[in-house]
Amino acid sequence: MLTEYIRAAMTHATVEWLGDANEFYGEIPECNGVYATADSKEACHNELLEVLEEWILFRVHRHLDLPIIDGVQLSIKEESV
């Protein structure tokens, strides 16, 4: 389910050339705070993927909701021991 969520989120990624800054900028609008910059489009895409993974782990750790993306939902289930 995690891989499916990451794939769905990455389909929403946008990467654009920032000529003034001489770098690429990428973001996933559905995932607030997930953005990256790099010297090449491929590097920006890879950095964006890494940031997305960290963002997911942080939100799971803090028990924060994750947006539903293309019908894919990650939910945190509390289990009693």
PDB file of N, CA and C in Angstrom:
ATOM      1  N   MET A   1       0.816  -1.186   0.000  1.00  0.00           N
ATOM      2  CA  MET A   1       0.000   0.000   0.000  1.00  0.00           C
ATOM      3  C   MET A   1       0.870   1.264   0.000  1.00  0.00           C
ATOM      4  N   LEU A   2       1.979   1.233   0.690  1.00  0.00           N
ATOM      5  CA  LEU A   2       2.874   2.394   0.743  1.00  0.00           C
ATOM      6  C   LEU A   2       3.439   2.702  -0.637  1.00  0.00           C
ATOM      7  N   THR A   3       3.875   1.686  -1.347  1.00  0.00           N
ATOM      8  CA  THR A   3       4.412   1.881  -2.698  1.00  0.00           C
ATOM      9  C   THR A   3       3.351   2.454  -3.622  1.00  0.00           C
ATOM     10  N   GLU A   4       2.144   1.963  -3.512  1.00  0.00           N
ATOM     11  CA  GLU A   4       1.049   2.468  -4.333  1.00  0.00           C
ATOM     12  C   GLU A   4       0.782   3.943  -4.032  1.00  0.00           C
ATOM     13  N   TYR A   5       0.850   4.304  -2.760  1.00  0.00           N
ATOM     14  CA  TYR A   5       0.630   5.698  -2.354  1.00  0.00           C
ATOM     15  C   TYR A   5       1.730   6.595  -2.921  1.00  0.00           C
ATOM     16  N   ILE A   6       2.963   6.155  -2.808  1.00  0.00           N
ATOM     17  CA  ILE A   6       4.094   6.936  -3.323  1.00  0.00           C
ATOM     18  C   ILE A   6       3.974   7.097  -4.835  1.00  0.00           C
ATOM     19  N   ARG A   7       3.648   6.028  -5.526  1.00  0.00           N
ATOM     20  CA  ARG A   7       3.469   6.113  -6.990  1.00  0.00           C
ATOM     21  C   ARG A   7       2.378   7.108  -7.358  1.00  0.00           C
ATOM     22  N   ALA A   8       1.261   7.040  -6.652  1.00  0.00           N
ATOM     23  CA  ALA A   8       0.152   7.956  -6.934  1.00  0.00           C
ATOM     24  C   ALA A   8       0.577   9.399  -6.687  1.00  0.00           C
ATOM     25  N   ALA A   9       1.260   9.646  -5.591  1.00  0.00           N
ATOM     26  CA  ALA A   9       1.701  11.008  -5.273  1.00  0.00           C
ATOM     27  C   ALA A   9       2.682  11.524  -6.318  1.00  0.00           C
ATOM     28  N   MET A  10       3.591  10.673  -6.762  1.00  0.00           N
ATOM     29  CA  MET A  10       4.599  11.108  -7.736  1.00  0.00           C
ATOM     30  C   MET A  10       3.990  11.422  -9.091  1.00  0.00           C
ATOM     31  N   THR A  11       2.820  10.877  -9.399  1.00  0.00           N
ATOM     32  CA  THR A  11       2.174  11.240 -10.663  1.00  0.00           C
ATOM     33  C   THR A  11       1.675  12.680 -10.632  1.00  0.00           C
ATOM     34  N   HIS A  12       1.564  13.241  -9.451  1.00  0.00           N
ATOM     35  CA  HIS A  12       1.129  14.636  -9.296  1.00  0.00           C
ATOM     36  C   HIS A  12       2.311  15.599  -9.199  1.00  0.00           C
ATOM     37  N   ALA A  13       3.512  15.061  -9.234  1.00  0.00           N
ATOM     38  CA  ALA A  13       4.710  15.901  -9.122  1.00  0.00           C
ATOM     39  C   ALA A  13       4.849  16.799 -10.347  1.00  0.00           C
ATOM     40  N   THR A  14       5.228  18.033 -10.099  1.00  0.00           N
ATOM     41  CA  THR A  14       5.539  18.959 -11.180  1.00  0.00           C
ATOM     42  C   THR A  14       6.978  19.404 -11.005  1.00  0.00           C
ATOM     43  N   VAL A  15       7.698  19.477 -12.100  1.00  0.00           N
ATOM     44  CA  VAL A  15       9.087  19.936 -12.079  1.00  0.00           C
ATOM     45  C   VAL A  15       9.226  20.992 -13.160  1.00  0.00           C
ATOM     46  N   GLU A  16       9.778  22.132 -12.784  1.00  0.00           N
ATOM     47  CA  GLU A  16       9.946  23.211 -13.758  1.00  0.00           C
ATOM     48  C   GLU A  16      11.331  23.837 -13.623  1.00  0.00           C
ATOM     49  N   TRP A  17      11.771  24.418 -14.707  1.00  0.00           N
ATOM     50  CA  TRP A  17      13.070  25.077 -14.768  1.00  0.00           C
ATOM     51  C   TRP A  17      12.916  26.501 -14.245  1.00  0.00           C
ATOM     52  N   LEU A  18      13.737  26.861 -13.275  1.00  0.00           N
ATOM     53  CA  LEU A  18      13.769  28.226 -12.765  1.00  0.00           C
ATOM     54  C   LEU A  18      15.007  28.899 -13.334  1.00  0.00           C
ATOM     55  N   GLY A  19      14.841  29.559 -14.458  1.00  0.00           N
ATOM     56  CA  GLY A  19      15.968  30.168 -15.158  1.00  0.00           C
ATOM     57  C   GLY A  19      16.714  31.188 -14.319  1.00  0.00           C
ATOM     58  N   ASP A  20      15.978  31.983 -13.529  1.00  0.00           N
ATOM     59  CA  ASP A  20      16.632  32.991 -12.692  1.00  0.00           C
ATOM     60  C   ASP A  20      17.556  32.356 -11.653  1.00  0.00           C
ATOM     61  N   ALA A  21      17.130  31.228 -11.126  1.00  0.00           N
ATOM     62  CA  ALA A  21      17.925  30.545 -10.103  1.00  0.00           C
ATOM     63  C   ALA A  21      18.858  29.505 -10.708  1.00  0.00           C
ATOM     64  N   ASN A  22      18.697  29.247 -12.003  1.00  0.00           N
ATOM     65  CA  ASN A  22      19.516  28.268 -12.716  1.00  0.00           C
ATOM     66  C   ASN A  22      19.410  26.865 -12.102  1.00  0.00           C
ATOM     67  N   GLU A  23      18.169  26.460 -11.773  1.00  0.00           N
ATOM     68  CA  GLU A  23      17.925  25.137 -11.207  1.00  0.00           C
ATOM     69  C   GLU A  23      16.500  24.696 -11.487  1.00  0.00           C
ATOM     70  N   PHE A  24      16.228  23.424 -11.236  1.00  0.00           N
ATOM     71  CA  PHE A  24      14.890  22.875 -11.368  1.00  0.00           C
ATOM     72  C   PHE A  24      14.208  22.889 -10.003  1.00  0.00           C
ATOM     73  N   TYR A  25      12.917  23.136 -10.013  1.00  0.00           N
ATOM     74  CA  TYR A  25      12.105  23.135  -8.795  1.00  0.00           C
ATOM     75  C   TYR A  25      10.965  22.143  -8.996  1.00  0.00           C
ATOM     76  N   GLY A  26      10.751  21.285  -8.017  1.00  0.00           N
ATOM     77  CA  GLY A  26       9.669  20.314  -8.091  1.00  0.00           C
ATOM     78  C   GLY A  26       8.844  20.324  -6.827  1.00  0.00           C
ATOM     79  N   GLU A  27       7.566  19.989  -6.974  1.00  0.00           N
ATOM     80  CA  GLU A  27       6.689  19.905  -5.817  1.00  0.00           C
ATOM     81  C   GLU A  27       5.559  18.930  -6.088  1.00  0.00           C
ATOM     82  N   ILE A  28       4.913  18.515  -5.006  1.00  0.00           N
ATOM     83  CA  ILE A  28       3.698  17.714  -5.078  1.00  0.00           C
ATOM     84  C   ILE A  28       2.639  18.522  -4.336  1.00  0.00           C
ATOM     85  N   PRO A  29       1.793  19.236  -5.069  1.00  0.00           N
ATOM     86  CA  PRO A  29       0.842  20.154  -4.434  1.00  0.00           C
ATOM     87  C   PRO A  29      -0.069  19.505  -3.386  1.00  0.00           C
ATOM     88  N   GLU A  30      -0.432  18.249  -3.593  1.00  0.00           N
ATOM     89  CA  GLU A  30      -1.317  17.564  -2.640  1.00  0.00           C
ATOM     90  C   GLU A  30      -0.635  17.280  -1.306  1.00  0.00           C
ATOM     91  N   CYS A  31       0.683  17.322  -1.297  1.00  0.00           N
ATOM     92  CA  CYS A  31       1.458  17.000  -0.093  1.00  0.00           C
ATOM     93  C   CYS A  31       2.165  18.271   0.369  1.00  0.00           C
ATOM     94  N   ASN A  32       1.484  19.029   1.184  1.00  0.00           N
ATOM     95  CA  ASN A  32       1.973  20.320   1.634  1.00  0.00           C
ATOM     96  C   ASN A  32       3.375  20.236   2.235  1.00  0.00           C
ATOM     97  N   GLY A  33       4.313  20.965   1.643  1.00  0.00           N
ATOM     98  CA  GLY A  33       5.679  20.989   2.140  1.00  0.00           C
ATOM     99  C   GLY A  33       6.623  20.059   1.408  1.00  0.00           C
ATOM    100  N   VAL A  34       6.110  19.291   0.452  1.00  0.00           N
ATOM    101  CA  VAL A  34       6.969  18.386  -0.314  1.00  0.00           C
ATOM    102  C   VAL A  34       7.439  19.111  -1.568  1.00  0.00           C
ATOM    103  N   TYR A  35       8.694  19.557  -1.524  1.00  0.00           N
ATOM    104  CA  TYR A  35       9.291  20.246  -2.666  1.00  0.00           C
ATOM    105  C   TYR A  35      10.790  20.002  -2.673  1.00  0.00           C
ATOM    106  N   ALA A  36      11.414  20.255  -3.807  1.00  0.00           N
ATOM    107  CA  ALA A  36      12.852  20.015  -3.947  1.00  0.00           C
ATOM    108  C   ALA A  36      13.409  20.898  -5.051  1.00  0.00           C
ATOM    109  N   THR A  37      14.714  21.123  -5.001  1.00  0.00           N
ATOM    110  CA  THR A  37      15.429  21.822  -6.067  1.00  0.00           C
ATOM    111  C   THR A  37      16.694  21.028  -6.386  1.00  0.00           C
ATOM    112  N   ALA A  38      17.118  21.127  -7.648  1.00  0.00           N
ATOM    113  CA  ALA A  38      18.337  20.424  -8.063  1.00  0.00           C
ATOM    114  C   ALA A  38      18.814  20.994  -9.395  1.00  0.00           C
ATOM    115  N   ASP A  39      20.010  20.588  -9.788  1.00  0.00           N
ATOM    116  CA  ASP A  39      20.628  21.081 -11.022  1.00  0.00           C
ATOM    117  C   ASP A  39      20.066  20.446 -12.292  1.00  0.00           C
ATOM    118  N   SER A  40      19.459  19.252 -12.167  1.00  0.00           N
ATOM    119  CA  SER A  40      18.891  18.595 -13.338  1.00  0.00           C
ATOM    120  C   SER A  40      17.466  18.138 -13.018  1.00  0.00           C
ATOM    121  N   LYS A  41      16.697  17.903 -14.054  1.00  0.00           N
ATOM    122  CA  LYS A  41      15.315  17.460 -13.871  1.00  0.00           C
ATOM    123  C   LYS A  41      15.269  16.103 -13.176  1.00  0.00           C
ATOM    124  N   GLU A  42      16.143  15.199 -13.602  1.00  0.00           N
ATOM    125  CA  GLU A  42      16.182  13.865 -12.991  1.00  0.00           C
ATOM    126  C   GLU A  42      16.572  13.939 -11.516  1.00  0.00           C
ATOM    127  N   ALA A  43      17.570  14.745 -11.202  1.00  0.00           N
ATOM    128  CA  ALA A  43      18.002  14.895  -9.812  1.00  0.00           C
ATOM    129  C   ALA A  43      16.896  15.512  -8.968  1.00  0.00           C
ATOM    130  N   CYS A  44      16.161  16.454  -9.532  1.00  0.00           N
ATOM    131  CA  CYS A  44      15.056  17.082  -8.819  1.00  0.00           C
ATOM    132  C   CYS A  44      13.961  16.058  -8.545  1.00  0.00           C
ATOM    133  N   HIS A  45      13.663  15.238  -9.527  1.00  0.00           N
ATOM    134  CA  HIS A  45      12.658  14.186  -9.360  1.00  0.00           C
ATOM    135  C   HIS A  45      13.082  13.210  -8.262  1.00  0.00           C
ATOM    136  N   ASN A  46      14.341  12.808  -8.265  1.00  0.00           N
ATOM    137  CA  ASN A  46      14.850  11.881  -7.243  1.00  0.00           C
ATOM    138  C   ASN A  46      14.812  12.505  -5.850  1.00  0.00           C
ATOM    139  N   GLU A  47      15.181  13.766  -5.764  1.00  0.00           N
ATOM    140  CA  GLU A  47      15.151  14.480  -4.482  1.00  0.00           C
ATOM    141  C   GLU A  47      13.711  14.607  -3.985  1.00  0.00           C
ATOM    142  N   LEU A  48      12.809  14.872  -4.904  1.00  0.00           N
ATOM    143  CA  LEU A  48      11.395  14.987  -4.556  1.00  0.00           C
ATOM    144  C   LEU A  48      10.863  13.669  -3.990  1.00  0.00           C
ATOM    145  N   LEU A  49      11.254  12.571  -4.574  1.00  0.00           N
ATOM    146  CA  LEU A  49      10.856  11.250  -4.079  1.00  0.00           C
ATOM    147  C   LEU A  49      11.371  11.028  -2.655  1.00  0.00           C
ATOM    148  N   GLU A  50      12.605  11.409  -2.414  1.00  0.00           N
ATOM    149  CA  GLU A  50      13.204  11.261  -1.086  1.00  0.00           C
ATOM    150  C   GLU A  50      12.465  12.132  -0.062  1.00  0.00           C
ATOM    151  N   VAL A  51      12.163  13.356  -0.434  1.00  0.00           N
ATOM    152  CA  VAL A  51      11.433  14.258   0.463  1.00  0.00           C
ATOM    153  C   VAL A  51      10.040  13.695   0.746  1.00  0.00           C
ATOM    154  N   LEU A  52       9.383  13.164  -0.259  1.00  0.00           N
ATOM    155  CA  LEU A  52       8.066  12.560  -0.073  1.00  0.00           C
ATOM    156  C   LEU A  52       8.126  11.418   0.936  1.00  0.00           C
ATOM    157  N   GLU A  53       9.114  10.553   0.813  1.00  0.00           N
ATOM    158  CA  GLU A  53       9.253   9.427   1.745  1.00  0.00           C
ATOM    159  C   GLU A  53       9.440   9.929   3.171  1.00  0.00           C
ATOM    160  N   GLU A  54      10.296  10.929   3.357  1.00  0.00           N
ATOM    161  CA  GLU A  54      10.518  11.491   4.689  1.00  0.00           C
ATOM    162  C   GLU A  54       9.251  12.153   5.224  1.00  0.00           C
ATOM    163  N   TRP A  55       8.528  12.842   4.355  1.00  0.00           N
ATOM    164  CA  TRP A  55       7.286  13.514   4.738  1.00  0.00           C
ATOM    165  C   TRP A  55       6.258  12.495   5.222  1.00  0.00           C
ATOM    166  N   ILE A  56       6.146  11.384   4.504  1.00  0.00           N
ATOM    167  CA  ILE A  56       5.206  10.329   4.908  1.00  0.00           C
ATOM    168  C   ILE A  56       5.595   9.768   6.272  1.00  0.00           C
ATOM    169  N   LEU A  57       6.870   9.440   6.448  1.00  0.00           N
ATOM    170  CA  LEU A  57       7.324   8.880   7.727  1.00  0.00           C
ATOM    171  C   LEU A  57       7.091   9.852   8.885  1.00  0.00           C
ATOM    172  N   PHE A  58       7.354  11.128   8.656  1.00  0.00           N
ATOM    173  CA  PHE A  58       7.135  12.135   9.691  1.00  0.00           C
ATOM    174  C   PHE A  58       5.660  12.189  10.084  1.00  0.00           C
ATOM    175  N   ARG A  59       4.785  12.223   9.076  1.00  0.00           N
ATOM    176  CA  ARG A  59       3.347  12.320   9.355  1.00  0.00           C
ATOM    177  C   ARG A  59       2.834  11.061  10.052  1.00  0.00           C
ATOM    178  N   VAL A  60       3.341   9.904   9.658  1.00  0.00           N
ATOM    179  CA  VAL A  60       2.942   8.668  10.327  1.00  0.00           C
ATOM    180  C   VAL A  60       3.426   8.693  11.778  1.00  0.00           C
ATOM    181  N   HIS A  61       4.660   9.091  11.987  1.00  0.00           N
ATOM    182  CA  HIS A  61       5.226   9.161  13.337  1.00  0.00           C
ATOM    183  C   HIS A  61       4.422  10.092  14.247  1.00  0.00           C
ATOM    184  N   ARG A  62       3.952  11.194  13.687  1.00  0.00           N
ATOM    185  CA  ARG A  62       3.197  12.190  14.455  1.00  0.00           C
ATOM    186  C   ARG A  62       1.685  11.937  14.451  1.00  0.00           C
ATOM    187  N   HIS A  63       1.273  10.829  13.845  1.00  0.00           N
ATOM    188  CA  HIS A  63      -0.150  10.470  13.740  1.00  0.00           C
ATOM    189  C   HIS A  63      -0.958  11.569  13.052  1.00  0.00           C
ATOM    190  N   LEU A  64      -0.376  12.160  12.011  1.00  0.00           N
ATOM    191  CA  LEU A  64      -1.047  13.185  11.228  1.00  0.00           C
ATOM    192  C   LEU A  64      -1.689  12.537  10.008  1.00  0.00           C
ATOM    193  N   ASP A  65      -2.805  13.079   9.600  1.00  0.00           N
ATOM    194  CA  ASP A  65      -3.492  12.546   8.424  1.00  0.00           C
ATOM    195  C   ASP A  65      -2.650  12.745   7.169  1.00  0.00           C
ATOM    196  N   LEU A  66      -2.817  11.830   6.246  1.00  0.00           N
ATOM    197  CA  LEU A  66      -2.206  11.932   4.928  1.00  0.00           C
ATOM    198  C   LEU A  66      -3.330  12.138   3.917  1.00  0.00           C
ATOM    199  N   PRO A  67      -3.115  12.983   2.924  1.00  0.00           N
ATOM    200  CA  PRO A  67      -4.181  13.199   1.944  1.00  0.00           C
ATOM    201  C   PRO A  67      -4.446  11.945   1.116  1.00  0.00           C
ATOM    202  N   ILE A  68      -5.676  11.768   0.725  1.00  0.00           N
ATOM    203  CA  ILE A  68      -6.028  10.689  -0.191  1.00  0.00           C
ATOM    204  C   ILE A  68      -5.625  11.152  -1.583  1.00  0.00           C
ATOM    205  N   ILE A  69      -4.858  10.335  -2.282  1.00  0.00           N
ATOM    206  CA  ILE A  69      -4.372  10.695  -3.610  1.00  0.00           C
ATOM    207  C   ILE A  69      -4.830   9.639  -4.604  1.00  0.00           C
ATOM    208  N   ASP A  70      -5.602  10.068  -5.570  1.00  0.00           N
ATOM    209  CA  ASP A  70      -6.142   9.166  -6.600  1.00  0.00           C
ATOM    210  C   ASP A  70      -6.819   7.943  -5.989  1.00  0.00           C
ATOM    211  N   GLY A  71      -7.519   8.155  -4.902  1.00  0.00           N
ATOM    212  CA  GLY A  71      -8.239   7.075  -4.242  1.00  0.00           C
ATOM    213  C   GLY A  71      -7.388   6.204  -3.338  1.00  0.00           C
ATOM    214  N   VAL A  72      -6.107   6.492  -3.260  1.00  0.00           N
ATOM    215  CA  VAL A  72      -5.208   5.703  -2.411  1.00  0.00           C
ATOM    216  C   VAL A  72      -5.078   6.412  -1.064  1.00  0.00           C
ATOM    217  N   GLN A  73      -5.353   5.660  -0.007  1.00  0.00           N
ATOM    218  CA  GLN A  73      -5.323   6.241   1.325  1.00  0.00           C
ATOM    219  C   GLN A  73      -4.428   5.411   2.240  1.00  0.00           C
ATOM    220  N   LEU A  74      -3.565   6.096   2.951  1.00  0.00           N
ATOM    221  CA  LEU A  74      -2.781   5.450   3.993  1.00  0.00           C
ATOM    222  C   LEU A  74      -3.402   5.851   5.323  1.00  0.00           C
ATOM    223  N   SER A  75      -3.688   4.888   6.146  1.00  0.00           N
ATOM    224  CA  SER A  75      -4.249   5.212   7.448  1.00  0.00           C
ATOM    225  C   SER A  75      -3.438   4.521   8.532  1.00  0.00           C
ATOM    226  N   ILE A  76      -3.376   5.189   9.657  1.00  0.00           N
ATOM    227  CA  ILE A  76      -2.620   4.678  10.794  1.00  0.00           C
ATOM    228  C   ILE A  76      -3.622   3.993  11.732  1.00  0.00           C
ATOM    229  N   LYS A  77      -3.354   2.754  12.026  1.00  0.00           N
ATOM    230  CA  LYS A  77      -4.239   2.014  12.910  1.00  0.00           C
ATOM    231  C   LYS A  77      -3.534   1.784  14.229  1.00  0.00           C
ATOM    232  N   GLU A  78      -4.195   2.163  15.282  1.00  0.00           N
ATOM    233  CA  GLU A  78      -3.668   1.945  16.623  1.00  0.00           C
ATOM    234  C   GLU A  78      -3.950   0.494  17.011  1.00  0.00           C
ATOM    235  N   GLU A  79      -2.946  -0.180  17.509  1.00  0.00           N
ATOM    236  CA  GLU A  79      -3.144  -1.539  17.969  1.00  0.00           C
ATOM    237  C   GLU A  79      -2.839  -1.602  19.445  1.00  0.00           C
ATOM    238  N   SER A  80      -3.713  -2.267  20.175  1.00  0.00           N
ATOM    239  CA  SER A  80      -3.471  -2.413  21.613  1.00  0.00           C
ATOM    240  C   SER A  80      -2.615  -3.648  21.838  1.00  0.00           C
ATOM    241  N   VAL A  81      -1.784  -3.548  22.844  1.00  0.00           N
ATOM    242  CA  VAL A  81      -0.858  -4.638  23.135  1.00  0.00           C
ATOM    243  C   VAL A  81      -1.318  -5.382  24.349  1.00  0.00           C
TER     244      VAL A  81
END
